[in-house]
Amino acid sequence: MRINWGTGIVIAFGCFITFILYLVINMMTDKEYHHDMVVDDYYKKELTLQSDINKEENALKLDKNVTWSHTDNGILIQFPNAMNVSEISGTVSLYRPSNKTLDFDLPITLSNHTLLIPKDKLVNGRWDLTIDWKNNDTSYLYKKSLVY
């Protein structure tokens, strides 16, 4: 039996479609690849975007903004000295883009305008640092990508 060119094209398309479906199914079901969203409540987070922009603008208006440094003990976050330590409250969030299970939040508890994130909570690599804090009814936001 001879296969004409029309039948050959149909067989080629069928093989191609089967190959693509195999790749898609393999990628979607393989546990090695994580297909998580950046944020679980993506649409809810989108509603607070203007508030975050306003907080970042407030932080940029400060004479001295939050700074961070890499130390032997972990990451040391320095808050502005002009602010009263007892009036600063908020959270520090560390987001690991490559592994959602390593993400964590810390409440801001300062000693002498500094906060230490211990190195035992950190894994070497890229982290997204977000500091959302409030002082005297003014909210501030600091975001930075860093490599530990």
N, C-alpha and C. Protein backbone atom coordinates (compact mmCIF):
# COMPACT_ATOMS: atom_id res chain seq x y z
N MET A 1 0.84 -1.18 0.00
CA MET A 1 0.00 0.00 0.00
C MET A 1 0.88 1.24 0.00
N ARG A 2 0.55 2.16 -0.87
CA ARG A 2 1.30 3.41 -0.96
C ARG A 2 0.55 4.52 -0.24
N ILE A 3 1.33 5.39 0.43
CA ILE A 3 0.75 6.55 1.12
C ILE A 3 0.95 7.76 0.22
N ASN A 4 -0.15 8.44 -0.12
CA ASN A 4 -0.03 9.63 -0.96
C ASN A 4 0.37 10.83 -0.10
N TRP A 5 0.64 11.96 -0.74
CA TRP A 5 1.15 13.12 0.00
C TRP A 5 0.13 13.70 0.96
N GLY A 6 -1.15 13.64 0.68
CA GLY A 6 -2.19 14.13 1.58
C GLY A 6 -2.23 13.34 2.88
N THR A 7 -2.12 12.02 2.77
CA THR A 7 -2.10 11.17 3.95
C THR A 7 -0.82 11.42 4.76
N GLY A 8 0.30 11.64 4.07
CA GLY A 8 1.56 11.94 4.75
C GLY A 8 1.49 13.22 5.56
N ILE A 9 0.83 14.24 4.99
CA ILE A 9 0.68 15.52 5.72
C ILE A 9 -0.18 15.33 6.97
N VAL A 10 -1.26 14.58 6.85
CA VAL A 10 -2.13 14.33 8.00
C VAL A 10 -1.37 13.56 9.08
N ILE A 11 -0.59 12.57 8.67
CA ILE A 11 0.20 11.80 9.65
C ILE A 11 1.24 12.70 10.31
N ALA A 12 1.90 13.59 9.53
CA ALA A 12 2.89 14.51 10.09
C ALA A 12 2.25 15.46 11.11
N PHE A 13 1.08 16.02 10.75
CA PHE A 13 0.38 16.91 11.69
C PHE A 13 -0.04 16.14 12.95
N GLY A 14 -0.51 14.94 12.79
CA GLY A 14 -0.90 14.13 13.95
C GLY A 14 0.27 13.86 14.87
N CYS A 15 1.42 13.53 14.29
CA CYS A 15 2.62 13.30 15.10
C CYS A 15 3.06 14.58 15.82
N PHE A 16 3.00 15.71 15.11
CA PHE A 16 3.39 16.99 15.71
C PHE A 16 2.47 17.34 16.88
N ILE A 17 1.17 17.21 16.69
CA ILE A 17 0.20 17.52 17.75
C ILE A 17 0.40 16.58 18.94
N THR A 18 0.66 15.31 18.68
CA THR A 18 0.92 14.36 19.76
C THR A 18 2.17 14.74 20.55
N PHE A 19 3.21 15.16 19.84
CA PHE A 19 4.45 15.58 20.48
C PHE A 19 4.22 16.81 21.37
N ILE A 20 3.52 17.82 20.87
CA ILE A 20 3.23 19.04 21.64
C ILE A 20 2.39 18.70 22.87
N LEU A 21 1.37 17.88 22.71
CA LEU A 21 0.54 17.49 23.86
C LEU A 21 1.37 16.75 24.91
N TYR A 22 2.28 15.88 24.47
CA TYR A 22 3.16 15.18 25.41
C TYR A 22 3.99 16.19 26.20
N LEU A 23 4.59 17.19 25.53
CA LEU A 23 5.40 18.19 26.22
C LEU A 23 4.58 18.99 27.23
N VAL A 24 3.40 19.43 26.82
CA VAL A 24 2.55 20.23 27.71
C VAL A 24 2.14 19.43 28.94
N ILE A 25 1.68 18.22 28.73
CA ILE A 25 1.25 17.39 29.86
C ILE A 25 2.43 17.06 30.77
N ASN A 26 3.57 16.78 30.20
CA ASN A 26 4.76 16.47 30.98
C ASN A 26 5.18 17.67 31.84
N MET A 27 5.16 18.87 31.29
CA MET A 27 5.54 20.08 32.05
C MET A 27 4.53 20.41 33.15
N MET A 28 3.27 20.20 32.88
CA MET A 28 2.24 20.57 33.86
C MET A 28 2.17 19.58 35.03
N THR A 29 2.53 18.34 34.81
CA THR A 29 2.40 17.35 35.88
C THR A 29 3.71 17.05 36.58
N ASP A 30 4.83 17.52 36.08
CA ASP A 30 6.13 17.24 36.69
C ASP A 30 6.30 18.10 37.94
N LYS A 31 6.59 17.46 39.06
CA LYS A 31 6.74 18.17 40.34
C LYS A 31 8.04 18.97 40.41
N GLU A 32 8.95 18.73 39.51
CA GLU A 32 10.22 19.47 39.51
C GLU A 32 10.01 20.95 39.17
N TYR A 33 9.00 21.21 38.38
CA TYR A 33 8.72 22.58 37.96
C TYR A 33 7.58 23.14 38.79
N HIS A 34 7.83 24.28 39.43
CA HIS A 34 6.80 24.91 40.25
C HIS A 34 6.07 25.94 39.42
N HIS A 35 4.76 25.85 39.41
CA HIS A 35 3.94 26.77 38.62
C HIS A 35 3.09 27.64 39.54
N ASP A 36 3.69 28.13 40.60
CA ASP A 36 2.96 28.95 41.56
C ASP A 36 2.92 30.39 41.08
N MET A 37 1.87 31.06 41.48
CA MET A 37 1.80 32.49 41.21
C MET A 37 2.75 33.20 42.18
N VAL A 38 3.14 34.41 41.85
CA VAL A 38 4.03 35.17 42.71
C VAL A 38 3.37 35.42 44.06
N VAL A 39 2.10 35.76 44.03
CA VAL A 39 1.33 36.03 45.24
C VAL A 39 0.05 35.19 45.14
N ASP A 40 -0.34 34.57 46.25
CA ASP A 40 -1.54 33.73 46.22
C ASP A 40 -2.79 34.53 45.89
N ASP A 41 -2.97 35.66 46.55
CA ASP A 41 -4.15 36.51 46.32
C ASP A 41 -3.77 37.64 45.37
N TYR A 42 -3.50 37.28 44.14
CA TYR A 42 -2.98 38.23 43.15
C TYR A 42 -3.93 39.42 42.95
N TYR A 43 -5.20 39.16 42.76
CA TYR A 43 -6.15 40.24 42.46
C TYR A 43 -6.41 41.12 43.69
N LYS A 44 -6.42 40.52 44.87
CA LYS A 44 -6.57 41.30 46.09
C LYS A 44 -5.36 42.21 46.29
N LYS A 45 -4.17 41.69 45.98
CA LYS A 45 -2.94 42.48 46.10
C LYS A 45 -2.93 43.64 45.11
N GLU A 46 -3.52 43.44 43.96
CA GLU A 46 -3.57 44.49 42.93
C GLU A 46 -4.38 45.70 43.41
N LEU A 47 -5.37 45.47 44.26
CA LEU A 47 -6.21 46.56 44.76
C LEU A 47 -5.45 47.50 45.69
N THR A 48 -4.36 47.02 46.28
CA THR A 48 -3.58 47.85 47.21
C THR A 48 -2.39 48.52 46.53
N LEU A 49 -2.33 48.46 45.21
CA LEU A 49 -1.17 48.98 44.50
C LEU A 49 -0.98 50.48 44.70
N GLN A 50 -2.05 51.27 44.63
CA GLN A 50 -1.91 52.72 44.80
C GLN A 50 -1.46 53.06 46.22
N SER A 51 -1.96 52.31 47.19
CA SER A 51 -1.52 52.51 48.57
C SER A 51 -0.03 52.23 48.70
N ASP A 52 0.45 51.19 48.05
CA ASP A 52 1.88 50.87 48.10
C ASP A 52 2.71 51.95 47.43
N ILE A 53 2.21 52.50 46.34
CA ILE A 53 2.93 53.58 45.65
C ILE A 53 3.05 54.80 46.57
N ASN A 54 1.97 55.12 47.26
CA ASN A 54 1.99 56.26 48.19
C ASN A 54 2.98 56.01 49.34
N LYS A 55 3.02 54.79 49.85
CA LYS A 55 3.95 54.46 50.93
C LYS A 55 5.40 54.58 50.44
N GLU A 56 5.68 54.12 49.22
CA GLU A 56 7.03 54.23 48.68
C GLU A 56 7.43 55.69 48.48
N GLU A 57 6.49 56.52 48.05
CA GLU A 57 6.78 57.95 47.90
C GLU A 57 7.09 58.58 49.25
N ASN A 58 6.35 58.17 50.30
CA ASN A 58 6.63 58.67 51.64
C ASN A 58 8.05 58.28 52.08
N ALA A 59 8.45 57.06 51.77
CA ALA A 59 9.79 56.61 52.14
C ALA A 59 10.86 57.39 51.37
N LEU A 60 10.59 57.72 50.13
CA LEU A 60 11.57 58.48 49.33
C LEU A 60 11.71 59.92 49.82
N LYS A 61 10.69 60.44 50.49
CA LYS A 61 10.73 61.81 51.00
C LYS A 61 11.56 61.92 52.29
N LEU A 62 11.87 60.79 52.91
CA LEU A 62 12.66 60.83 54.14
C LEU A 62 14.07 61.34 53.86
N ASP A 63 14.65 62.02 54.85
CA ASP A 63 16.04 62.47 54.71
C ASP A 63 16.97 61.28 54.55
N LYS A 64 16.72 60.24 55.36
CA LYS A 64 17.51 59.02 55.26
C LYS A 64 16.53 57.85 55.29
N ASN A 65 16.58 57.01 54.26
CA ASN A 65 15.67 55.88 54.16
C ASN A 65 16.26 54.67 54.88
N VAL A 66 15.53 53.60 54.90
CA VAL A 66 16.01 52.34 55.47
C VAL A 66 17.20 51.85 54.66
N THR A 67 18.19 51.30 55.36
CA THR A 67 19.33 50.69 54.69
C THR A 67 19.51 49.28 55.22
N TRP A 68 20.18 48.46 54.47
CA TRP A 68 20.46 47.09 54.90
C TRP A 68 21.91 46.77 54.60
N SER A 69 22.44 45.81 55.35
CA SER A 69 23.81 45.37 55.11
C SER A 69 23.93 43.88 55.43
N HIS A 70 24.83 43.25 54.75
CA HIS A 70 25.10 41.83 54.93
C HIS A 70 26.16 41.68 56.02
N THR A 71 25.84 40.96 57.09
CA THR A 71 26.80 40.75 58.17
C THR A 71 27.03 39.25 58.35
N ASP A 72 27.95 38.90 59.24
CA ASP A 72 28.21 37.49 59.53
C ASP A 72 27.03 36.82 60.22
N ASN A 73 26.21 37.61 60.90
CA ASN A 73 25.07 37.07 61.63
C ASN A 73 23.78 37.03 60.81
N GLY A 74 23.76 37.66 59.65
CA GLY A 74 22.56 37.70 58.81
C GLY A 74 22.46 39.03 58.09
N ILE A 75 21.25 39.49 57.94
CA ILE A 75 20.99 40.78 57.29
C ILE A 75 20.61 41.79 58.37
N LEU A 76 21.32 42.89 58.42
CA LEU A 76 21.07 43.93 59.41
C LEU A 76 20.34 45.08 58.71
N ILE A 77 19.15 45.40 59.21
CA ILE A 77 18.34 46.48 58.65
C ILE A 77 18.42 47.67 59.60
N GLN A 78 18.79 48.81 59.05
CA GLN A 78 18.96 50.05 59.83
C GLN A 78 17.82 51.01 59.48
N PHE A 79 17.05 51.41 60.48
CA PHE A 79 15.98 52.38 60.29
C PHE A 79 16.53 53.79 60.56
N PRO A 80 15.88 54.82 60.02
CA PRO A 80 16.36 56.19 60.22
C PRO A 80 16.46 56.56 61.69
N ASN A 81 17.56 57.20 62.06
CA ASN A 81 17.78 57.60 63.45
C ASN A 81 16.85 58.71 63.90
N ALA A 82 16.30 59.47 62.96
CA ALA A 82 15.41 60.58 63.30
C ALA A 82 14.08 60.10 63.86
N MET A 83 13.73 58.84 63.64
CA MET A 83 12.45 58.31 64.10
C MET A 83 12.58 57.72 65.50
N ASN A 84 11.49 57.81 66.25
CA ASN A 84 11.43 57.25 67.58
C ASN A 84 11.23 55.73 67.48
N VAL A 85 12.11 54.96 68.07
CA VAL A 85 12.09 53.50 67.96
C VAL A 85 10.78 52.91 68.48
N SER A 86 10.24 53.46 69.54
CA SER A 86 9.03 52.90 70.14
C SER A 86 7.79 53.14 69.28
N GLU A 87 7.85 54.06 68.33
CA GLU A 87 6.69 54.36 67.49
C GLU A 87 6.74 53.66 66.13
N ILE A 88 7.79 52.90 65.87
CA ILE A 88 7.91 52.20 64.60
C ILE A 88 7.30 50.80 64.74
N SER A 89 6.38 50.48 63.82
CA SER A 89 5.76 49.16 63.82
C SER A 89 5.56 48.72 62.37
N GLY A 90 5.44 47.44 62.16
CA GLY A 90 5.21 46.93 60.82
C GLY A 90 5.79 45.53 60.65
N THR A 91 6.03 45.17 59.39
CA THR A 91 6.55 43.84 59.08
C THR A 91 7.68 43.91 58.06
N VAL A 92 8.54 42.93 58.15
CA VAL A 92 9.60 42.73 57.17
C VAL A 92 9.29 41.41 56.48
N SER A 93 9.18 41.44 55.15
CA SER A 93 8.87 40.24 54.38
C SER A 93 10.04 39.90 53.48
N LEU A 94 10.41 38.65 53.50
CA LEU A 94 11.44 38.16 52.59
C LEU A 94 10.81 37.11 51.68
N TYR A 95 10.89 37.37 50.39
CA TYR A 95 10.28 36.52 49.37
C TYR A 95 11.39 35.88 48.55
N ARG A 96 11.34 34.58 48.42
CA ARG A 96 12.32 33.83 47.65
C ARG A 96 11.68 33.44 46.31
N PRO A 97 12.08 34.09 45.19
CA PRO A 97 11.44 33.81 43.90
C PRO A 97 11.56 32.35 43.45
N SER A 98 12.62 31.67 43.85
CA SER A 98 12.83 30.31 43.35
C SER A 98 12.15 29.24 44.19
N ASN A 99 11.69 29.59 45.41
CA ASN A 99 11.09 28.57 46.27
C ASN A 99 10.12 29.24 47.24
N LYS A 100 8.86 29.02 47.01
CA LYS A 100 7.81 29.64 47.81
C LYS A 100 7.85 29.22 49.29
N THR A 101 8.35 28.02 49.56
CA THR A 101 8.35 27.52 50.93
C THR A 101 9.35 28.24 51.83
N LEU A 102 10.30 28.98 51.25
CA LEU A 102 11.29 29.71 52.05
C LEU A 102 10.84 31.12 52.43
N ASP A 103 9.72 31.59 51.88
CA ASP A 103 9.22 32.93 52.20
C ASP A 103 8.85 33.03 53.68
N PHE A 104 9.09 34.21 54.26
CA PHE A 104 8.68 34.42 55.65
C PHE A 104 8.52 35.91 55.94
N ASP A 105 7.76 36.20 56.99
CA ASP A 105 7.51 37.55 57.47
C ASP A 105 7.98 37.64 58.93
N LEU A 106 8.50 38.82 59.28
CA LEU A 106 8.92 39.08 60.65
C LEU A 106 8.28 40.38 61.13
N PRO A 107 7.79 40.42 62.36
CA PRO A 107 7.33 41.70 62.90
C PRO A 107 8.56 42.57 63.21
N ILE A 108 8.37 43.86 63.09
CA ILE A 108 9.48 44.78 63.37
C ILE A 108 9.59 44.97 64.88
N THR A 109 10.69 44.50 65.43
CA THR A 109 11.05 44.73 66.83
C THR A 109 12.47 45.26 66.81
N LEU A 110 12.60 46.53 67.12
CA LEU A 110 13.89 47.21 66.97
C LEU A 110 14.64 47.31 68.28
N SER A 111 15.96 47.28 68.14
CA SER A 111 16.83 47.64 69.24
C SER A 111 17.87 48.59 68.66
N ASN A 112 17.84 49.81 69.14
CA ASN A 112 18.78 50.82 68.67
C ASN A 112 18.68 51.05 67.15
N HIS A 113 17.46 51.18 66.64
CA HIS A 113 17.16 51.46 65.24
C HIS A 113 17.60 50.36 64.28
N THR A 114 17.88 49.16 64.78
CA THR A 114 18.30 48.08 63.91
C THR A 114 17.45 46.83 64.12
N LEU A 115 17.36 46.05 63.07
CA LEU A 115 16.67 44.76 63.12
C LEU A 115 17.57 43.75 62.43
N LEU A 116 17.83 42.61 63.08
CA LEU A 116 18.69 41.58 62.52
C LEU A 116 17.83 40.41 62.07
N ILE A 117 18.00 40.02 60.81
CA ILE A 117 17.37 38.81 60.30
C ILE A 117 18.44 37.72 60.37
N PRO A 118 18.25 36.72 61.24
CA PRO A 118 19.30 35.74 61.47
C PRO A 118 19.64 34.93 60.22
N LYS A 119 20.90 34.56 60.09
CA LYS A 119 21.34 33.85 58.90
C LYS A 119 20.80 32.42 58.82
N ASP A 120 20.33 31.87 59.94
CA ASP A 120 19.78 30.52 59.89
C ASP A 120 18.42 30.48 59.18
N LYS A 121 17.77 31.63 59.00
CA LYS A 121 16.51 31.70 58.25
C LYS A 121 16.74 31.95 56.77
N LEU A 122 17.98 32.25 56.40
CA LEU A 122 18.29 32.65 55.03
C LEU A 122 19.08 31.56 54.30
N VAL A 123 18.80 31.42 53.03
CA VAL A 123 19.53 30.52 52.16
C VAL A 123 20.26 31.40 51.14
N ASN A 124 21.45 31.01 50.75
CA ASN A 124 22.18 31.80 49.77
C ASN A 124 21.39 31.92 48.48
N GLY A 125 21.42 33.12 47.91
CA GLY A 125 20.72 33.37 46.66
C GLY A 125 19.95 34.67 46.69
N ARG A 126 19.06 34.83 45.74
CA ARG A 126 18.29 36.07 45.59
C ARG A 126 17.08 36.08 46.52
N TRP A 127 16.85 37.23 47.15
CA TRP A 127 15.70 37.48 48.00
C TRP A 127 15.10 38.82 47.62
N ASP A 128 13.79 38.94 47.73
CA ASP A 128 13.11 40.23 47.59
C ASP A 128 12.71 40.68 48.98
N LEU A 129 13.30 41.78 49.42
CA LEU A 129 13.05 42.33 50.75
C LEU A 129 11.99 43.41 50.66
N THR A 130 10.95 43.32 51.48
CA THR A 130 9.90 44.33 51.55
C THR A 130 9.70 44.71 53.01
N ILE A 131 9.88 45.99 53.30
CA ILE A 131 9.69 46.48 54.66
C ILE A 131 8.51 47.44 54.63
N ASP A 132 7.44 47.07 55.30
CA ASP A 132 6.22 47.88 55.38
C ASP A 132 6.10 48.34 56.82
N TRP A 133 6.34 49.64 57.06
CA TRP A 133 6.33 50.11 58.44
C TRP A 133 5.56 51.41 58.56
N LYS A 134 5.24 51.73 59.82
CA LYS A 134 4.44 52.91 60.13
C LYS A 134 5.12 53.66 61.27
N ASN A 135 5.12 54.98 61.16
CA ASN A 135 5.67 55.82 62.21
C ASN A 135 4.84 57.10 62.25
N ASN A 136 4.30 57.44 63.43
CA ASN A 136 3.48 58.65 63.59
C ASN A 136 2.37 58.74 62.56
N ASP A 137 1.60 57.68 62.39
CA ASP A 137 0.46 57.62 61.47
C ASP A 137 0.84 57.82 60.01
N THR A 138 2.10 57.71 59.68
CA THR A 138 2.55 57.77 58.29
C THR A 138 3.11 56.41 57.92
N SER A 139 2.64 55.87 56.81
CA SER A 139 3.08 54.55 56.37
C SER A 139 4.20 54.67 55.35
N TYR A 140 5.13 53.75 55.42
CA TYR A 140 6.28 53.73 54.53
C TYR A 140 6.45 52.33 53.96
N LEU A 141 7.08 52.25 52.80
CA LEU A 141 7.35 50.96 52.16
C LEU A 141 8.71 51.02 51.49
N TYR A 142 9.51 50.00 51.76
CA TYR A 142 10.84 49.89 51.16
C TYR A 142 10.93 48.53 50.51
N LYS A 143 11.32 48.51 49.22
CA LYS A 143 11.48 47.26 48.49
C LYS A 143 12.87 47.20 47.89
N LYS A 144 13.48 46.03 47.98
CA LYS A 144 14.81 45.87 47.44
C LYS A 144 15.04 44.39 47.11
N SER A 145 15.66 44.11 45.98
CA SER A 145 16.10 42.76 45.65
C SER A 145 17.55 42.65 46.08
N LEU A 146 17.87 41.60 46.82
CA LEU A 146 19.23 41.45 47.31
C LEU A 146 19.70 40.02 47.14
N VAL A 147 21.00 39.85 47.16
CA VAL A 147 21.60 38.53 47.08
C VAL A 147 22.32 38.26 48.39
N TYR A 148 21.95 37.19 49.05
CA TYR A 148 22.56 36.84 50.33
C TYR A 148 23.62 35.79 50.10
